[in-house]
Amino acid sequence: MLKDRQLLALRRGDRQVLSIPSAFVAEGKVLKGLPGLLTLLADAGYNDVESVRWLFTADDSLPGSPVQALAENRGTEVKRRAQALAF
């Protein structure tokens, strides 16, 4: 799933263990809309660290963070904001 960019993982801690944010998975499944959103962010020039930072940064216009909006099935709003990043 990492290779296919369905999920992102970052290296954390002293041992640099590869970790997937738990917010990316709900009920044993990848959040609906996350793979497409990761593609949009990559197309906008975001690397993995920047993408995760963007996903977890609060956005008053959503409200909440983009990852929270995805979890609440508000993916369309999040994708609109990600598409605007490319311009």
Protein backbone atom coordinates (compact mmCIF):
# COMPACT_ATOMS: atom_id res chain seq x y z
CA MET A 1 0.00 0.00 0.00
CA LEU A 2 2.93 2.32 0.63
CA LYS A 3 4.46 1.50 -2.74
CA ASP A 4 1.13 2.17 -4.47
CA ARG A 5 0.72 5.44 -2.48
CA GLN A 6 -2.50 4.27 -0.87
CA LEU A 7 -0.89 5.30 2.44
CA LEU A 8 2.07 7.38 3.61
CA ALA A 9 4.54 6.47 6.30
CA LEU A 10 7.22 8.58 7.94
CA ARG A 11 10.35 7.64 9.86
CA ARG A 12 10.08 8.49 13.57
CA GLY A 13 12.11 8.21 16.71
CA ASP A 14 15.74 7.34 17.35
CA ARG A 15 15.46 4.10 15.45
CA GLN A 16 13.78 5.79 12.50
CA VAL A 17 10.95 3.27 12.49
CA LEU A 18 8.58 3.63 9.56
CA SER A 19 5.17 4.66 10.95
CA ILE A 20 1.75 5.18 9.39
CA PRO A 21 -0.41 7.76 11.18
CA SER A 22 -3.28 5.94 12.86
CA ALA A 23 -5.71 8.59 11.59
CA PHE A 24 -5.17 7.23 8.07
CA VAL A 25 -6.97 3.99 8.95
CA ALA A 26 -10.48 3.57 10.32
CA GLU A 27 -12.15 0.25 11.06
CA GLY A 28 -9.28 -1.60 9.42
CA LYS A 29 -9.58 0.29 6.13
CA VAL A 30 -7.77 3.23 4.57
CA LEU A 31 -9.79 6.44 4.92
CA LYS A 32 -12.08 6.96 1.97
CA GLY A 33 -10.52 9.48 -0.40
CA LEU A 34 -7.02 9.38 1.11
CA PRO A 35 -5.24 7.69 -1.82
CA GLY A 36 -6.61 10.24 -4.31
CA LEU A 37 -5.79 13.10 -1.97
CA LEU A 38 -2.21 11.85 -1.60
CA THR A 39 -1.92 11.88 -5.40
CA LEU A 40 -3.24 15.47 -5.54
CA LEU A 41 -0.72 16.59 -2.93
CA ALA A 42 2.14 14.86 -4.76
CA ASP A 43 1.04 16.50 -8.02
CA ALA A 44 1.12 19.86 -6.20
CA GLY A 45 4.77 19.20 -5.36
CA TYR A 46 4.36 18.15 -1.74
CA ASN A 47 6.73 15.49 -0.41
CA ASP A 48 5.61 12.93 2.19
CA VAL A 49 6.50 15.07 5.22
CA GLU A 50 4.79 18.15 3.76
CA SER A 51 1.72 16.09 2.86
CA VAL A 52 1.35 14.72 6.39
CA ARG A 53 1.90 18.18 7.85
CA TRP A 54 -0.82 19.62 5.56
CA LEU A 55 -3.22 16.80 6.42
CA PHE A 56 -2.87 17.41 10.17
CA THR A 57 -2.82 21.23 10.14
CA ALA A 58 -6.07 22.84 11.26
CA ASP A 59 -7.95 24.76 8.58
CA ASP A 60 -10.60 27.18 9.84
CA SER A 61 -12.48 26.95 6.55
CA LEU A 62 -13.13 23.19 6.98
CA PRO A 63 -13.26 23.41 10.18
CA GLY A 64 -10.65 21.12 11.68
CA SER A 65 -7.81 19.43 9.88
CA PRO A 66 -8.08 17.84 6.44
CA VAL A 67 -7.61 14.36 7.91
CA GLN A 68 -10.48 15.00 10.33
CA ALA A 69 -12.67 16.11 7.43
CA LEU A 70 -11.82 12.90 5.53
CA ALA A 71 -12.75 10.83 8.57
CA GLU A 72 -16.08 12.70 8.72
CA ASN A 73 -16.77 11.92 5.04
CA ARG A 74 -16.13 15.50 3.88
CA GLY A 75 -13.53 14.51 1.30
CA THR A 76 -14.87 16.73 -1.47
CA GLU A 77 -14.08 19.86 0.54
CA VAL A 78 -10.58 18.60 1.29
CA LYS A 79 -9.88 17.69 -2.34
CA ARG A 80 -10.93 21.17 -3.48
CA ARG A 81 -8.38 22.72 -1.14
CA ALA A 82 -5.67 20.29 -2.28
CA GLN A 83 -6.39 21.06 -5.95
CA ALA A 84 -5.96 24.77 -5.23
CA LEU A 85 -2.46 24.12 -3.87
CA ALA A 86 -1.21 23.27 -7.35
CA PHE A 87 -1.97 26.77 -8.66
